[in-house]
Structures are given as structure tokens and as C-alpha cells.
N, C-alpha and C. Protein backbone atom coordinates (compact mmCIF):
# COMPACT_ATOMS: atom_id res chain seq x y z
N UNK A 1 47.51 4.54 23.76
CA UNK A 1 48.36 5.63 23.30
C UNK A 1 47.92 6.60 22.00
N UNK A 2 47.67 5.76 21.10
CA UNK A 2 47.49 6.65 19.67
C UNK A 2 46.03 7.37 20.16
N UNK A 3 45.31 6.72 20.79
CA UNK A 3 44.03 7.60 20.95
C UNK A 3 43.90 8.73 21.81
N UNK A 4 44.76 8.66 23.05
CA UNK A 4 45.26 9.88 23.44
C UNK A 4 45.88 10.89 22.79
N UNK A 5 46.83 10.35 21.82
CA UNK A 5 47.90 10.90 20.96
C UNK A 5 46.62 11.92 20.24
N UNK A 6 45.99 11.13 19.39
CA UNK A 6 44.84 11.91 18.65
C UNK A 6 43.93 12.87 19.30
N UNK A 7 43.83 12.88 20.36
CA UNK A 7 42.91 13.66 21.15
C UNK A 7 43.63 15.08 21.77
N UNK A 8 44.92 14.87 21.83
CA UNK A 8 45.55 16.18 22.69
C UNK A 8 46.51 16.56 21.48
N UNK A 9 47.11 15.97 20.29
CA UNK A 9 48.12 16.51 19.61
C UNK A 9 47.67 17.76 19.00
N UNK A 10 46.54 18.21 18.69
CA UNK A 10 46.11 19.68 18.19
C UNK A 10 46.72 20.89 19.52
N UNK A 11 47.07 20.38 20.32
CA UNK A 11 47.47 21.40 21.36
C UNK A 11 48.77 21.51 21.42
N UNK A 12 49.38 21.14 20.42
CA UNK A 12 50.95 21.64 20.36
C UNK A 12 51.35 22.12 19.13
N UNK A 13 52.48 22.85 19.20
CA UNK A 13 53.12 23.04 17.91
C UNK A 13 53.33 22.10 17.05
N UNK A 14 53.84 21.02 17.31
CA UNK A 14 54.02 19.91 16.40
C UNK A 14 53.85 18.57 17.26
N UNK A 15 53.85 17.72 16.35
CA UNK A 15 53.60 16.14 17.12
C UNK A 15 54.21 15.06 16.06
N UNK A 16 54.32 14.30 16.73
CA UNK A 16 54.89 12.95 16.02
C UNK A 16 54.56 11.67 17.14
N UNK A 17 54.04 10.56 16.28
CA UNK A 17 53.90 9.35 16.76
C UNK A 17 54.87 8.50 16.24
N UNK A 18 55.67 7.85 16.88
CA UNK A 18 56.78 6.87 16.42
C UNK A 18 56.41 5.27 16.95
N UNK A 19 56.18 4.50 16.00
CA UNK A 19 55.85 3.16 16.51
C UNK A 19 57.13 2.59 16.62
N UNK A 20 57.17 1.40 17.01
CA UNK A 20 58.15 0.22 16.75
C UNK A 20 59.61 0.72 16.84
N UNK A 21 59.80 1.63 18.02
CA UNK A 21 61.10 2.08 18.01
C UNK A 21 62.41 0.98 17.93
N UNK A 22 62.03 0.23 18.84
CA UNK A 22 63.30 -0.97 18.93
C UNK A 22 63.24 -1.44 17.56
N UNK A 23 62.02 -1.79 16.85
CA UNK A 23 62.58 -2.54 15.59
C UNK A 23 62.98 -1.52 14.67
N UNK A 24 62.51 -0.73 14.53
CA UNK A 24 62.80 0.26 13.55
C UNK A 24 64.42 0.90 13.65
N UNK A 25 64.62 1.23 14.87
CA UNK A 25 66.18 1.60 15.45
C UNK A 25 67.29 0.41 15.15
N UNK A 26 66.72 -0.94 15.06
CA UNK A 26 67.91 -1.86 14.86
C UNK A 26 67.92 -2.05 13.40
N UNK A 27 66.68 -1.94 12.50
CA UNK A 27 66.52 -2.27 11.10
C UNK A 27 67.35 -0.78 10.34
N UNK A 28 66.91 0.27 10.83
CA UNK A 28 67.28 1.61 10.04
C UNK A 28 68.14 2.48 10.63
N UNK A 29 68.38 2.15 11.93
CA UNK A 29 69.21 3.12 12.69
C UNK A 29 68.29 4.35 13.45
N UNK A 30 69.17 4.66 14.50
CA UNK A 30 68.64 5.79 15.42
C UNK A 30 68.26 7.28 14.39
N UNK A 31 69.52 7.22 13.49
CA UNK A 31 69.32 8.39 12.47
C UNK A 31 67.94 8.75 11.60
N UNK A 32 67.66 7.46 11.08
CA UNK A 32 66.50 7.57 10.27
C UNK A 32 65.18 7.95 11.27
N UNK A 33 65.24 7.52 12.34
CA UNK A 33 64.07 7.84 13.26
C UNK A 33 64.07 9.31 13.58
N UNK A 34 65.21 9.81 14.07
CA UNK A 34 65.69 11.16 14.09
C UNK A 34 65.03 12.16 13.16
N UNK A 35 65.37 11.54 11.82
CA UNK A 35 64.79 12.28 10.61
C UNK A 35 63.43 12.30 10.50
N UNK A 36 62.93 11.22 10.58
CA UNK A 36 61.28 11.28 10.71
C UNK A 36 60.86 12.32 11.53
N UNK A 37 61.28 12.19 12.78
CA UNK A 37 60.45 13.26 14.10
C UNK A 37 61.05 14.42 13.53
N UNK A 38 61.99 14.90 13.00
CA UNK A 38 62.39 16.28 12.65
C UNK A 38 61.59 16.75 11.36
N UNK A 39 61.34 15.96 10.45
CA UNK A 39 60.52 16.05 9.56
C UNK A 39 59.21 16.34 9.59
N UNK A 40 58.57 15.52 10.37
CA UNK A 40 57.30 15.65 10.72
C UNK A 40 56.81 16.58 11.67
N UNK A 41 57.50 16.70 12.87
CA UNK A 41 57.41 18.06 13.66
C UNK A 41 57.71 19.35 13.17
N UNK A 42 58.67 19.78 12.16
CA UNK A 42 58.98 20.91 11.77
C UNK A 42 58.11 20.75 10.18
N UNK A 43 57.60 19.85 9.89
CA UNK A 43 56.71 20.03 8.63
C UNK A 43 57.49 20.33 7.32
N UNK A 44 58.64 19.61 7.24
CA UNK A 44 59.73 19.80 6.17
C UNK A 44 59.65 18.51 5.68
N UNK A 45 59.95 18.64 4.28
CA UNK A 45 60.00 17.43 3.11
C UNK A 45 61.09 16.43 3.69
N UNK A 46 62.58 17.07 3.74
CA UNK A 46 63.49 15.78 4.17
C UNK A 46 64.47 16.56 4.96
N UNK A 47 64.61 15.92 6.18
CA UNK A 47 65.62 16.21 7.10
C UNK A 47 66.74 15.35 7.11
N UNK A 48 68.14 15.58 6.68
CA UNK A 48 69.40 14.52 6.76
C UNK A 48 70.06 14.66 7.87
N UNK A 49 69.95 13.36 8.66
CA UNK A 49 70.98 13.34 9.86
C UNK A 49 72.07 12.00 9.39
N UNK A 50 73.51 12.60 9.74
CA UNK A 50 74.38 11.63 9.55
C UNK A 50 74.69 10.85 10.60
N UNK A 51 74.75 11.33 11.72
CA UNK A 51 75.28 10.95 12.76
C UNK A 51 74.22 11.18 14.09
N UNK A 52 74.22 10.03 15.10
CA UNK A 52 73.15 10.19 16.09
C UNK A 52 73.46 11.26 17.00
N UNK A 53 74.72 11.80 17.29
CA UNK A 53 74.96 12.99 18.04
C UNK A 53 74.61 14.35 17.36
N UNK A 54 74.65 14.29 16.03
CA UNK A 54 74.28 15.48 15.09
C UNK A 54 72.75 15.60 15.17
N UNK A 55 72.08 14.53 15.13
CA UNK A 55 70.63 14.42 15.30
C UNK A 55 70.36 14.98 16.70
N UNK A 56 70.88 14.60 17.43
CA UNK A 56 70.44 14.94 18.99
C UNK A 56 70.47 16.74 19.24
N UNK A 57 71.72 17.05 18.46
CA UNK A 57 71.95 18.57 18.62
C UNK A 57 70.78 19.00 17.87
N UNK A 58 70.67 18.65 16.68
CA UNK A 58 69.23 19.21 15.62
C UNK A 58 67.98 19.27 16.41
N UNK A 59 67.75 17.98 17.23
CA UNK A 59 66.32 18.15 17.67
C UNK A 59 66.40 19.07 18.87
N UNK A 60 67.54 19.15 19.50
CA UNK A 60 67.50 20.03 20.67
C UNK A 60 67.57 21.52 20.37
N UNK A 61 68.40 21.86 19.22
CA UNK A 61 68.07 23.29 18.75
C UNK A 61 67.07 23.67 17.99
N UNK A 62 66.49 22.72 17.13
CA UNK A 62 65.10 23.12 16.35
C UNK A 62 63.96 23.22 17.26
N UNK A 63 63.79 22.05 18.73
CA UNK A 63 62.76 21.97 19.05
C UNK A 63 62.53 22.45 20.51
N UNK A 64 63.60 23.20 20.99
CA UNK A 64 63.92 23.54 22.41
C UNK A 64 62.60 24.64 22.61
N UNK A 65 62.43 25.62 21.84
CA UNK A 65 61.40 26.85 22.26
C UNK A 65 59.89 26.12 21.80
N UNK A 66 59.88 25.31 21.36
CA UNK A 66 58.43 24.75 20.65
C UNK A 66 57.80 24.03 21.58
N UNK A 67 56.35 23.94 21.61
CA UNK A 67 55.70 23.07 22.49
C UNK A 67 55.42 21.69 21.27
N UNK A 68 56.13 20.81 21.89
CA UNK A 68 55.68 19.62 21.03
C UNK A 68 55.43 18.35 21.71
N UNK A 69 54.84 17.29 20.92
CA UNK A 69 54.34 15.97 21.45
C UNK A 69 55.15 14.75 20.68
N UNK A 70 55.92 13.93 21.25
CA UNK A 70 56.54 13.21 20.59
C UNK A 70 56.22 11.80 21.67
N UNK A 71 55.46 10.99 20.72
CA UNK A 71 55.16 9.68 21.47
C UNK A 71 56.21 8.39 20.77
N UNK A 72 56.80 7.81 21.65
CA UNK A 72 57.95 6.82 21.21
C UNK A 72 57.33 5.51 22.00
N UNK A 73 56.86 4.71 20.99
CA UNK A 73 56.22 3.52 21.33
C UNK A 73 57.36 2.57 21.05
N UNK A 74 57.37 1.39 22.09
CA UNK A 74 58.36 0.38 22.25
C UNK A 74 59.64 0.81 22.26
N UNK A 75 59.93 1.45 23.17
CA UNK A 75 61.60 1.85 23.43
C UNK A 75 61.95 0.87 24.63
N UNK A 76 63.13 0.09 24.12
CA UNK A 76 63.73 -0.79 24.91
C UNK A 76 65.19 -0.58 25.44
N UNK A 77 65.71 0.68 25.19
CA UNK A 77 66.86 1.10 25.28
C UNK A 77 67.05 2.58 25.68
N UNK A 78 67.72 2.78 26.99
CA UNK A 78 67.77 4.40 27.11
C UNK A 78 68.61 5.27 26.02
N UNK A 79 69.39 4.80 25.38
CA UNK A 79 70.08 5.43 24.00
C UNK A 79 68.98 5.99 23.18
N UNK A 80 67.95 5.07 22.93
CA UNK A 80 67.05 5.38 22.08
C UNK A 80 66.05 6.84 22.51
N UNK A 81 65.80 6.63 23.86
CA UNK A 81 65.23 7.55 24.36
C UNK A 81 66.10 8.90 24.35
N UNK A 82 67.40 9.05 24.66
CA UNK A 82 68.08 9.85 24.69
C UNK A 82 68.36 10.45 23.21
N UNK A 83 68.45 9.68 22.45
CA UNK A 83 68.57 10.03 20.84
C UNK A 83 67.32 10.83 20.41
N UNK A 84 66.16 10.29 20.68
CA UNK A 84 65.07 10.76 20.36
C UNK A 84 64.35 12.00 20.87
N UNK A 85 64.22 12.01 22.32
CA UNK A 85 63.55 12.95 22.97
C UNK A 85 64.51 13.86 23.32
């Protein structure tokens, strides 16, 4: 997945490869992963998300009209996918 990501990521307005979603979300919470995605895709230093629902709204609002590539590795729960994509 990472080699394909590297190959096609330049075709997008923003891109982010998130590894170990299962482990990271259980350790640090989905909010931290949402912050990572938003920071990387929007090229901003720090994006703060307090709640998963807030992060979901920000992802939708900020990324709606952009062509983005987000690769989520090791997703094991539909809630993770809903919160991050």
C-alpha cells in the first residue's frame, strides 16, 4: 500500500498515510488520528480536535472540495473508518 501511495500521492491536493489505526486509536484515541490527518492534509502545524464528532465535522468541512488521498492501515472497526474518512 505504501509504494502505491508514494506513486500516486502527487496527483492529489493533499494526502496522508495513517499506519496502525487499530493500535493508535486504542492508545491515543480517534481524535489524535483526526488531528494528524487534518494537520498533514491541510499542511498546518497543529489542529486541535476535542471530540470525535467535532473532528468528523471538521474533516467533512475542510476536505469536502479537495482531492485528497487518505490511506488508513489496519482499520478493524467501522467507527474508525467513519471518524477518519
